[in-house]
Structures are given as structure tokens and as C-alpha cells.
All heavy atoms as atom14 arrays in JSON, in Angstrom:
{
  "sequence": "SGRTFISYALGWFRQAPGKGREFVAGISWNGGVTYYADSVKGRFTI",
  "atom14_mask": [
    [1, 1, 1, 1, 1, 1, 0, 0, 0, 0, 0, 0, 0, 0],
    [1, 1, 1, 1, 0, 0, 0, 0, 0, 0, 0, 0, 0, 0],
    [1, 1, 1, 1, 1, 1, 1, 1, 1, 1, 1, 0, 0, 0],
    [1, 1, 1, 1, 1, 1, 1, 0, 0, 0, 0, 0, 0, 0],
    [1, 1, 1, 1, 1, 1, 1, 1, 1, 1, 1, 0, 0, 0],
    [1, 1, 1, 1, 1, 1, 1, 1, 0, 0, 0, 0, 0, 0],
    [1, 1, 1, 1, 1, 1, 0, 0, 0, 0, 0, 0, 0, 0],
    [1, 1, 1, 1, 1, 1, 1, 1, 1, 1, 1, 1, 0, 0],
    [1, 1, 1, 1, 1, 0, 0, 0, 0, 0, 0, 0, 0, 0],
    [1, 1, 1, 1, 1, 1, 1, 1, 0, 0, 0, 0, 0, 0],
    [1, 1, 1, 1, 0, 0, 0, 0, 0, 0, 0, 0, 0, 0],
    [1, 1, 1, 1, 1, 1, 1, 1, 1, 1, 1, 1, 1, 1],
    [1, 1, 1, 1, 1, 1, 1, 1, 1, 1, 1, 0, 0, 0],
    [1, 1, 1, 1, 1, 1, 1, 1, 1, 1, 1, 0, 0, 0],
    [1, 1, 1, 1, 1, 1, 1, 1, 1, 0, 0, 0, 0, 0],
    [1, 1, 1, 1, 1, 0, 0, 0, 0, 0, 0, 0, 0, 0],
    [1, 1, 1, 1, 1, 1, 1, 0, 0, 0, 0, 0, 0, 0],
    [1, 1, 1, 1, 0, 0, 0, 0, 0, 0, 0, 0, 0, 0],
    [1, 1, 1, 1, 1, 1, 1, 1, 1, 0, 0, 0, 0, 0],
    [1, 1, 1, 1, 0, 0, 0, 0, 0, 0, 0, 0, 0, 0],
    [1, 1, 1, 1, 1, 1, 1, 1, 1, 1, 1, 0, 0, 0],
    [1, 1, 1, 1, 1, 1, 1, 1, 1, 0, 0, 0, 0, 0],
    [1, 1, 1, 1, 1, 1, 1, 1, 1, 1, 1, 0, 0, 0],
    [1, 1, 1, 1, 1, 1, 1, 0, 0, 0, 0, 0, 0, 0],
    [1, 1, 1, 1, 1, 0, 0, 0, 0, 0, 0, 0, 0, 0],
    [1, 1, 1, 1, 0, 0, 0, 0, 0, 0, 0, 0, 0, 0],
    [1, 1, 1, 1, 1, 1, 1, 1, 0, 0, 0, 0, 0, 0],
    [1, 1, 1, 1, 1, 1, 0, 0, 0, 0, 0, 0, 0, 0],
    [1, 1, 1, 1, 1, 1, 1, 1, 1, 1, 1, 1, 1, 1],
    [1, 1, 1, 1, 1, 1, 1, 1, 0, 0, 0, 0, 0, 0],
    [1, 1, 1, 1, 0, 0, 0, 0, 0, 0, 0, 0, 0, 0],
    [1, 1, 1, 1, 0, 0, 0, 0, 0, 0, 0, 0, 0, 0],
    [1, 1, 1, 1, 1, 1, 1, 0, 0, 0, 0, 0, 0, 0],
    [1, 1, 1, 1, 1, 1, 1, 0, 0, 0, 0, 0, 0, 0],
    [1, 1, 1, 1, 1, 1, 1, 1, 1, 1, 1, 1, 0, 0],
    [1, 1, 1, 1, 1, 1, 1, 1, 1, 1, 1, 1, 0, 0],
    [1, 1, 1, 1, 1, 0, 0, 0, 0, 0, 0, 0, 0, 0],
    [1, 1, 1, 1, 1, 1, 1, 1, 0, 0, 0, 0, 0, 0],
    [1, 1, 1, 1, 1, 1, 0, 0, 0, 0, 0, 0, 0, 0],
    [1, 1, 1, 1, 1, 1, 1, 0, 0, 0, 0, 0, 0, 0],
    [1, 1, 1, 1, 1, 1, 1, 1, 1, 0, 0, 0, 0, 0],
    [1, 1, 1, 1, 0, 0, 0, 0, 0, 0, 0, 0, 0, 0],
    [1, 1, 1, 1, 1, 1, 1, 1, 1, 1, 1, 0, 0, 0],
    [1, 1, 1, 1, 1, 1, 1, 1, 1, 1, 1, 0, 0, 0],
    [1, 1, 1, 1, 1, 1, 1, 0, 0, 0, 0, 0, 0, 0],
    [1, 1, 1, 1, 1, 1, 1, 1, 0, 0, 0, 0, 0, 0]
  ],
  "atom14_positions": [
    [[0.84, -1.18, 0.0], [0.0, 0.0, 0.0], [0.88, 1.24, 0.0], [2.0, 1.23, 0.54], [-0.94, 0.02, 1.2], [-0.22, 0.05, 2.43], [0.0, 0.0, 0.0], [0.0, 0.0, 0.0], [0.0, 0.0, 0.0], [0.0, 0.0, 0.0], [0.0, 0.0, 0.0], [0.0, 0.0, 0.0], [0.0, 0.0, 0.0], [0.0, 0.0, 0.0]],
    [[0.38, 2.3, -0.6], [1.14, 3.53, -0.68], [0.83, 4.27, -1.97], [0.62, 3.65, -3.01], [0.0, 0.0, 0.0], [0.0, 0.0, 0.0], [0.0, 0.0, 0.0], [0.0, 0.0, 0.0], [0.0, 0.0, 0.0], [0.0, 0.0, 0.0], [0.0, 0.0, 0.0], [0.0, 0.0, 0.0], [0.0, 0.0, 0.0], [0.0, 0.0, 0.0]],
    [[0.85, 5.56, -1.89], [0.48, 6.38, -3.03], [1.43, 6.24, -4.21], [1.02, 6.36, -5.36], [0.41, 7.86, -2.61], [-0.75, 8.19, -1.7], [-0.64, 9.61, -1.17], [-0.58, 10.59, -2.25], [-1.66, 11.09, -2.85], [-2.87, 10.71, -2.47], [-1.52, 11.98, -3.82], [0.0, 0.0, 0.0], [0.0, 0.0, 0.0], [0.0, 0.0, 0.0]],
    [[2.7, 5.97, -3.93], [3.7, 5.87, -4.99], [4.27, 4.47, -5.13], [5.41, 4.31, -5.55], [4.84, 6.88, -4.74], [5.46, 6.61, -3.48], [4.31, 8.29, -4.75], [0.0, 0.0, 0.0], [0.0, 0.0, 0.0], [0.0, 0.0, 0.0], [0.0, 0.0, 0.0], [0.0, 0.0, 0.0], [0.0, 0.0, 0.0], [0.0, 0.0, 0.0]],
    [[3.47, 3.47, -4.8], [3.95, 2.09, -4.9], [4.49, 1.76, -6.27], [5.52, 1.09, -6.4], [2.82, 1.12, -4.53], [3.16, -0.31, -4.8], [3.99, -1.01, -3.93], [2.65, -0.97, -5.91], [4.31, -2.33, -4.17], [2.97, -2.3, -6.16], [3.8, -2.98, -5.29], [0.0, 0.0, 0.0], [0.0, 0.0, 0.0], [0.0, 0.0, 0.0]],
    [[3.84, 2.22, -7.31], [4.24, 1.88, -8.67], [5.64, 2.39, -9.0], [6.29, 1.87, -9.9], [3.21, 2.42, -9.69], [3.45, 1.81, -11.08], [3.27, 3.95, -9.75], [2.39, 2.16, -12.08], [0.0, 0.0, 0.0], [0.0, 0.0, 0.0], [0.0, 0.0, 0.0], [0.0, 0.0, 0.0], [0.0, 0.0, 0.0], [0.0, 0.0, 0.0]],
    [[6.11, 3.38, -8.26], [7.42, 3.96, -8.52], [8.57, 3.14, -7.93], [9.72, 3.44, -8.19], [7.5, 5.39, -7.97], [6.54, 6.23, -8.59], [0.0, 0.0, 0.0], [0.0, 0.0, 0.0], [0.0, 0.0, 0.0], [0.0, 0.0, 0.0], [0.0, 0.0, 0.0], [0.0, 0.0, 0.0], [0.0, 0.0, 0.0], [0.0, 0.0, 0.0]],
    [[8.25, 2.15, -7.13], [9.26, 1.38, -6.41], [9.62, 0.08, -7.1], [8.75, -0.63, -7.62], [8.78, 1.07, -5.0], [8.81, 2.25, -4.06], [7.76, 3.15, -4.02], [9.9, 2.45, -3.22], [7.79, 4.23, -3.16], [9.93, 3.54, -2.35], [8.87, 4.42, -2.34], [8.9, 5.49, -1.47], [0.0, 0.0, 0.0], [0.0, 0.0, 0.0]],
    [[10.91, -0.22, -7.06], [11.35, -1.56, -7.38], [11.05, -2.46, -6.18], [10.95, -1.98, -5.04], [12.84, -1.57, -7.68], [0.0, 0.0, 0.0], [0.0, 0.0, 0.0], [0.0, 0.0, 0.0], [0.0, 0.0, 0.0], [0.0, 0.0, 0.0], [0.0, 0.0, 0.0], [0.0, 0.0, 0.0], [0.0, 0.0, 0.0], [0.0, 0.0, 0.0]],
    [[10.91, -3.73, -6.42], [10.57, -4.67, -5.37], [11.54, -5.83, -5.35], [12.07, -6.22, -6.4], [9.14, -5.2, -5.56], [8.03, -4.16, -5.48], [6.72, -4.75, -5.97], [7.88, -3.67, -4.04], [0.0, 0.0, 0.0], [0.0, 0.0, 0.0], [0.0, 0.0, 0.0], [0.0, 0.0, 0.0], [0.0, 0.0, 0.0], [0.0, 0.0, 0.0]],
    [[11.76, -6.36, -4.17], [12.67, -7.48, -4.04], [12.19, -8.48, -3.01], [11.38, -8.15, -2.14], [0.0, 0.0, 0.0], [0.0, 0.0, 0.0], [0.0, 0.0, 0.0], [0.0, 0.0, 0.0], [0.0, 0.0, 0.0], [0.0, 0.0, 0.0], [0.0, 0.0, 0.0], [0.0, 0.0, 0.0], [0.0, 0.0, 0.0], [0.0, 0.0, 0.0]],
    [[12.69, -9.68, -3.15], [12.48, -10.72, -2.15], [13.82, -11.1, -1.55], [14.81, -11.31, -2.28], [11.84, -11.97, -2.77], [10.38, -11.84, -3.06], [9.81, -11.53, -4.24], [9.31, -12.06, -2.13], [8.44, -11.52, -4.12], [8.1, -11.84, -2.84], [9.25, -12.4, -0.78], [6.85, -11.96, -2.23], [8.0, -12.52, -0.18], [6.82, -12.3, -0.91]],
    [[13.85, -11.19, -0.24], [15.02, -11.62, 0.49], [14.63, -12.76, 1.41], [13.46, -12.95, 1.72], [15.61, -10.47, 1.32], [16.23, -9.37, 0.5], [15.44, -8.44, -0.15], [17.61, -9.28, 0.38], [16.01, -7.43, -0.9], [18.19, -8.27, -0.36], [17.39, -7.35, -1.01], [0.0, 0.0, 0.0], [0.0, 0.0, 0.0], [0.0, 0.0, 0.0]],
    [[15.61, -13.51, 1.87], [15.33, -14.58, 2.81], [16.45, -14.68, 3.83], [17.58, -14.28, 3.58], [15.16, -15.92, 2.1], [16.42, -16.46, 1.43], [16.09, -17.7, 0.61], [17.27, -18.29, 0.01], [17.25, -19.32, -0.83], [16.09, -19.87, -1.16], [18.39, -19.8, -1.33], [0.0, 0.0, 0.0], [0.0, 0.0, 0.0], [0.0, 0.0, 0.0]],
    [[16.09, -15.21, 4.99], [17.06, -15.39, 6.05], [16.81, -16.74, 6.72], [15.74, -16.97, 7.29], [16.98, -14.27, 7.08], [18.07, -14.33, 8.13], [18.19, -13.06, 8.94], [17.29, -12.22, 8.93], [19.31, -12.9, 9.62], [0.0, 0.0, 0.0], [0.0, 0.0, 0.0], [0.0, 0.0, 0.0], [0.0, 0.0, 0.0], [0.0, 0.0, 0.0]],
    [[17.79, -17.61, 6.61], [17.71, -18.93, 7.21], [18.3, -18.87, 8.62], [19.09, -17.97, 8.93], [18.47, -19.94, 6.37], [0.0, 0.0, 0.0], [0.0, 0.0, 0.0], [0.0, 0.0, 0.0], [0.0, 0.0, 0.0], [0.0, 0.0, 0.0], [0.0, 0.0, 0.0], [0.0, 0.0, 0.0], [0.0, 0.0, 0.0], [0.0, 0.0, 0.0]],
    [[17.94, -19.82, 9.48], [18.49, -19.84, 10.84], [20.01, -19.84, 10.84], [20.64, -20.63, 10.13], [17.93, -21.14, 11.42], [16.67, -21.37, 10.67], [16.96, -20.91, 9.27], [0.0, 0.0, 0.0], [0.0, 0.0, 0.0], [0.0, 0.0, 0.0], [0.0, 0.0, 0.0], [0.0, 0.0, 0.0], [0.0, 0.0, 0.0], [0.0, 0.0, 0.0]],
    [[20.59, -18.94, 11.59], [22.03, -18.86, 11.7], [22.73, -18.2, 10.53], [23.96, -18.18, 10.49], [0.0, 0.0, 0.0], [0.0, 0.0, 0.0], [0.0, 0.0, 0.0], [0.0, 0.0, 0.0], [0.0, 0.0, 0.0], [0.0, 0.0, 0.0], [0.0, 0.0, 0.0], [0.0, 0.0, 0.0], [0.0, 0.0, 0.0], [0.0, 0.0, 0.0]],
    [[21.98, -17.67, 9.59], [22.57, -17.04, 8.42], [22.07, -15.61, 8.27], [21.06, -15.21, 8.84], [22.25, -17.83, 7.15], [22.82, -19.24, 7.13], [22.53, -19.92, 5.81], [23.13, -21.32, 5.77], [22.84, -21.99, 4.46], [0.0, 0.0, 0.0], [0.0, 0.0, 0.0], [0.0, 0.0, 0.0], [0.0, 0.0, 0.0], [0.0, 0.0, 0.0]],
    [[22.79, -14.84, 7.48], [22.4, -13.47, 7.21], [21.33, -13.39, 6.15], [20.96, -14.37, 5.51], [0.0, 0.0, 0.0], [0.0, 0.0, 0.0], [0.0, 0.0, 0.0], [0.0, 0.0, 0.0], [0.0, 0.0, 0.0], [0.0, 0.0, 0.0], [0.0, 0.0, 0.0], [0.0, 0.0, 0.0], [0.0, 0.0, 0.0], [0.0, 0.0, 0.0]],
    [[20.84, -12.19, 5.95], [19.81, -11.97, 4.94], [20.41, -12.14, 3.54], [21.48, -11.62, 3.23], [19.21, -10.58, 5.11], [18.1, -10.25, 4.13], [17.4, -8.96, 4.56], [16.6, -9.17, 5.76], [16.1, -8.18, 6.48], [16.33, -6.92, 6.15], [15.37, -8.46, 7.56], [0.0, 0.0, 0.0], [0.0, 0.0, 0.0], [0.0, 0.0, 0.0]],
    [[19.69, -12.85, 2.7], [20.16, -13.19, 1.36], [19.18, -12.69, 0.31], [17.97, -12.89, 0.43], [20.33, -14.71, 1.24], [20.71, -15.21, -0.14], [20.65, -16.72, -0.25], [19.94, -17.35, 0.57], [21.3, -17.28, -1.15], [0.0, 0.0, 0.0], [0.0, 0.0, 0.0], [0.0, 0.0, 0.0], [0.0, 0.0, 0.0], [0.0, 0.0, 0.0]],
    [[19.71, -12.07, -0.72], [18.88, -11.63, -1.84], [18.39, -12.84, -2.62], [19.14, -13.78, -2.87], [19.68, -10.71, -2.76], [19.0, -10.39, -4.05], [17.98, -9.45, -4.1], [19.37, -11.01, -5.23], [17.34, -9.14, -5.29], [18.75, -10.71, -6.43], [17.73, -9.77, -6.45], [0.0, 0.0, 0.0], [0.0, 0.0, 0.0], [0.0, 0.0, 0.0]],
    [[17.13, -12.8, -3.01], [16.53, -13.88, -3.78], [16.17, -13.43, -5.2], [16.59, -14.04, -6.18], [15.27, -14.43, -3.09], [14.62, -15.52, -3.94], [15.62, -14.97, -1.7], [0.0, 0.0, 0.0], [0.0, 0.0, 0.0], [0.0, 0.0, 0.0], [0.0, 0.0, 0.0], [0.0, 0.0, 0.0], [0.0, 0.0, 0.0], [0.0, 0.0, 0.0]],
    [[15.39, -12.37, -5.31], [14.95, -11.89, -6.62], [14.51, -10.44, -6.52], [14.1, -9.97, -5.46], [13.79, -12.75, -7.15], [0.0, 0.0, 0.0], [0.0, 0.0, 0.0], [0.0, 0.0, 0.0], [0.0, 0.0, 0.0], [0.0, 0.0, 0.0], [0.0, 0.0, 0.0], [0.0, 0.0, 0.0], [0.0, 0.0, 0.0], [0.0, 0.0, 0.0]],
    [[14.6, -9.73, -7.64], [14.18, -8.35, -7.69], [13.5, -8.04, -9.01], [13.71, -8.74, -10.0], [0.0, 0.0, 0.0], [0.0, 0.0, 0.0], [0.0, 0.0, 0.0], [0.0, 0.0, 0.0], [0.0, 0.0, 0.0], [0.0, 0.0, 0.0], [0.0, 0.0, 0.0], [0.0, 0.0, 0.0], [0.0, 0.0, 0.0], [0.0, 0.0, 0.0]],
    [[12.69, -6.99, -9.02], [11.96, -6.61, -10.22], [11.82, -5.1, -10.26], [11.6, -4.44, -9.24], [10.58, -7.31, -10.26], [9.88, -7.08, -11.6], [9.7, -6.85, -9.1], [8.67, -7.98, -11.8], [0.0, 0.0, 0.0], [0.0, 0.0, 0.0], [0.0, 0.0, 0.0], [0.0, 0.0, 0.0], [0.0, 0.0, 0.0], [0.0, 0.0, 0.0]],
    [[11.96, -4.52, -11.46], [11.88, -3.08, -11.63], [10.45, -2.6, -11.45], [9.5, -3.4, -11.41], [12.4, -2.69, -13.01], [11.62, -3.29, -14.04], [0.0, 0.0, 0.0], [0.0, 0.0, 0.0], [0.0, 0.0, 0.0], [0.0, 0.0, 0.0], [0.0, 0.0, 0.0], [0.0, 0.0, 0.0], [0.0, 0.0, 0.0], [0.0, 0.0, 0.0]],
    [[10.29, -1.29, -11.39], [8.97, -0.72, -11.1], [7.92, -1.08, -12.14], [6.73, -1.21, -11.82], [9.07, 0.8, -10.98], [9.32, 1.52, -12.28], [10.53, 1.82, -12.83], [8.33, 2.03, -13.18], [10.36, 2.48, -14.01], [9.02, 2.62, -14.25], [6.94, 2.05, -13.18], [8.37, 3.22, -15.33], [6.28, 2.64, -14.25], [6.99, 3.22, -15.29]],
    [[8.34, -1.25, -13.4], [7.39, -1.59, -14.46], [7.42, -3.07, -14.81], [6.74, -3.49, -15.75], [7.65, -0.75, -15.7], [9.02, -0.99, -16.31], [9.82, -1.77, -15.8], [9.3, -0.3, -17.41], [0.0, 0.0, 0.0], [0.0, 0.0, 0.0], [0.0, 0.0, 0.0], [0.0, 0.0, 0.0], [0.0, 0.0, 0.0], [0.0, 0.0, 0.0]],
    [[8.19, -3.85, -14.08], [8.27, -5.27, -14.33], [9.13, -5.68, -15.5], [9.23, -6.87, -15.81], [0.0, 0.0, 0.0], [0.0, 0.0, 0.0], [0.0, 0.0, 0.0], [0.0, 0.0, 0.0], [0.0, 0.0, 0.0], [0.0, 0.0, 0.0], [0.0, 0.0, 0.0], [0.0, 0.0, 0.0], [0.0, 0.0, 0.0], [0.0, 0.0, 0.0]],
    [[9.77, -4.72, -16.15], [10.54, -5.01, -17.34], [11.89, -5.64, -17.1], [12.47, -6.23, -18.02], [0.0, 0.0, 0.0], [0.0, 0.0, 0.0], [0.0, 0.0, 0.0], [0.0, 0.0, 0.0], [0.0, 0.0, 0.0], [0.0, 0.0, 0.0], [0.0, 0.0, 0.0], [0.0, 0.0, 0.0], [0.0, 0.0, 0.0], [0.0, 0.0, 0.0]],
    [[12.43, -5.52, -15.9], [13.75, -6.04, -15.58], [13.64, -6.89, -14.32], [13.04, -6.46, -13.33], [14.77, -4.91, -15.36], [16.14, -5.49, -15.05], [14.83, -4.0, -16.58], [0.0, 0.0, 0.0], [0.0, 0.0, 0.0], [0.0, 0.0, 0.0], [0.0, 0.0, 0.0], [0.0, 0.0, 0.0], [0.0, 0.0, 0.0], [0.0, 0.0, 0.0]],
    [[14.2, -8.06, -14.37], [14.22, -8.94, -13.2], [15.64, -9.43, -12.93], [16.46, -9.53, -13.85], [13.29, -10.15, -13.38], [13.68, -10.89, -14.55], [11.85, -9.7, -13.53], [0.0, 0.0, 0.0], [0.0, 0.0, 0.0], [0.0, 0.0, 0.0], [0.0, 0.0, 0.0], [0.0, 0.0, 0.0], [0.0, 0.0, 0.0], [0.0, 0.0, 0.0]],
    [[15.91, -9.74, -11.68], [17.2, -10.26, -11.26], [16.97, -11.43, -10.3], [16.01, -11.43, -9.53], [18.02, -9.19, -10.56], [18.33, -7.98, -11.4], [17.55, -6.84, -11.31], [19.41, -7.98, -12.28], [17.84, -5.72, -12.09], [19.7, -6.87, -13.05], [18.91, -5.74, -12.95], [19.19, -4.64, -13.72], [0.0, 0.0, 0.0], [0.0, 0.0, 0.0]],
    [[17.89, -12.39, -10.34], [17.79, -13.55, -9.49], [19.15, -13.93, -8.93], [20.17, -13.78, -9.59], [17.24, -14.76, -10.26], [15.84, -14.58, -10.76], [15.59, -14.1, -12.04], [14.75, -14.87, -9.95], [14.3, -13.92, -12.51], [13.45, -14.7, -10.4], [13.24, -14.22, -11.68], [11.95, -14.05, -12.13], [0.0, 0.0, 0.0], [0.0, 0.0, 0.0]],
    [[19.12, -14.41, -7.7], [20.32, -15.01, -7.15], [20.62, -16.3, -7.89], [19.71, -17.0, -8.34], [20.13, -15.29, -5.66], [0.0, 0.0, 0.0], [0.0, 0.0, 0.0], [0.0, 0.0, 0.0], [0.0, 0.0, 0.0], [0.0, 0.0, 0.0], [0.0, 0.0, 0.0], [0.0, 0.0, 0.0], [0.0, 0.0, 0.0], [0.0, 0.0, 0.0]],
    [[21.9, -16.62, -8.02], [22.29, -17.82, -8.75], [21.65, -19.08, -8.14], [21.33, -20.03, -8.86], [23.81, -17.98, -8.75], [24.49, -16.98, -9.66], [23.82, -16.43, -10.56], [25.71, -16.77, -9.49], [0.0, 0.0, 0.0], [0.0, 0.0, 0.0], [0.0, 0.0, 0.0], [0.0, 0.0, 0.0], [0.0, 0.0, 0.0], [0.0, 0.0, 0.0]],
    [[21.45, -19.07, -6.85], [20.93, -20.24, -6.17], [19.48, -20.56, -6.52], [19.03, -21.68, -6.29], [21.06, -20.07, -4.65], [20.34, -18.93, -4.21], [0.0, 0.0, 0.0], [0.0, 0.0, 0.0], [0.0, 0.0, 0.0], [0.0, 0.0, 0.0], [0.0, 0.0, 0.0], [0.0, 0.0, 0.0], [0.0, 0.0, 0.0], [0.0, 0.0, 0.0]],
    [[18.76, -19.6, -7.08], [17.34, -19.82, -7.38], [17.01, -19.68, -8.86], [15.86, -19.9, -9.25], [16.44, -18.88, -6.56], [16.74, -19.01, -5.08], [16.59, -17.44, -7.02], [0.0, 0.0, 0.0], [0.0, 0.0, 0.0], [0.0, 0.0, 0.0], [0.0, 0.0, 0.0], [0.0, 0.0, 0.0], [0.0, 0.0, 0.0], [0.0, 0.0, 0.0]],
    [[17.98, -19.33, -9.69], [17.72, -19.18, -11.11], [17.17, -20.48, -11.71], [17.67, -21.56, -11.43], [19.0, -18.8, -11.86], [19.4, -17.35, -11.7], [20.65, -17.04, -12.52], [21.04, -15.59, -12.39], [22.28, -15.29, -13.15], [0.0, 0.0, 0.0], [0.0, 0.0, 0.0], [0.0, 0.0, 0.0], [0.0, 0.0, 0.0], [0.0, 0.0, 0.0]],
    [[16.13, -20.33, -12.5], [15.5, -21.48, -13.11], [14.46, -22.15, -12.25], [13.71, -23.0, -12.74], [0.0, 0.0, 0.0], [0.0, 0.0, 0.0], [0.0, 0.0, 0.0], [0.0, 0.0, 0.0], [0.0, 0.0, 0.0], [0.0, 0.0, 0.0], [0.0, 0.0, 0.0], [0.0, 0.0, 0.0], [0.0, 0.0, 0.0], [0.0, 0.0, 0.0]],
    [[14.4, -21.79, -10.98], [13.44, -22.39, -10.06], [12.41, -21.38, -9.55], [11.25, -21.72, -9.36], [14.15, -23.02, -8.86], [15.11, -24.14, -9.23], [15.6, -24.88, -7.99], [16.32, -24.01, -7.08], [15.98, -23.8, -5.81], [14.9, -24.4, -5.31], [16.71, -23.01, -5.04], [0.0, 0.0, 0.0], [0.0, 0.0, 0.0], [0.0, 0.0, 0.0]],
    [[12.85, -20.15, -9.32], [11.98, -19.11, -8.79], [11.68, -18.07, -9.86], [12.51, -17.79, -10.72], [12.63, -18.39, -7.61], [12.79, -19.23, -6.36], [12.52, -20.58, -6.36], [13.22, -18.63, -5.18], [12.68, -21.34, -5.21], [13.38, -19.37, -4.03], [13.11, -20.73, -4.03], [0.0, 0.0, 0.0], [0.0, 0.0, 0.0], [0.0, 0.0, 0.0]],
    [[10.49, -17.47, -9.79], [10.1, -16.42, -10.7], [9.44, -15.29, -9.93], [8.5, -15.52, -9.17], [9.12, -16.93, -11.78], [9.71, -18.01, -12.5], [8.77, -15.81, -12.76], [0.0, 0.0, 0.0], [0.0, 0.0, 0.0], [0.0, 0.0, 0.0], [0.0, 0.0, 0.0], [0.0, 0.0, 0.0], [0.0, 0.0, 0.0], [0.0, 0.0, 0.0]],
    [[9.92, -14.07, -10.14], [9.32, -12.91, -9.52], [8.45, -12.19, -10.54], [8.79, -12.11, -11.72], [10.39, -11.96, -8.94], [9.74, -10.83, -8.13], [11.28, -11.39, -10.04], [10.73, -9.97, -7.36], [0.0, 0.0, 0.0], [0.0, 0.0, 0.0], [0.0, 0.0, 0.0], [0.0, 0.0, 0.0], [0.0, 0.0, 0.0], [0.0, 0.0, 0.0]]
  ]
}
């Protein structure tokens, strides 16, 4: 929610027990560009 939500890029991160926060996937504000961590490429889709 938010008046300018569409202006924001979005990302997913994860944190496993005993580990730091890890980037998983990201997407640009218009959905035209996506990025994935090597560990999830081919398996996850944002």
C-alpha cells in the first residue's frame, strides 16, 4: 500500500536460521527487468 507504490522496485530476500539476509529476486517498477540469485535461477520467478 502507498500512493507511490508503482514507482518502487521490489525485491524478495530470505534469512535462514544462523545465516544473514540473502537476496533472492528483484523486479523493476514496471516489471521489465528482473534479477535472481544464482541459487534460485531457473526455479523461482518474480
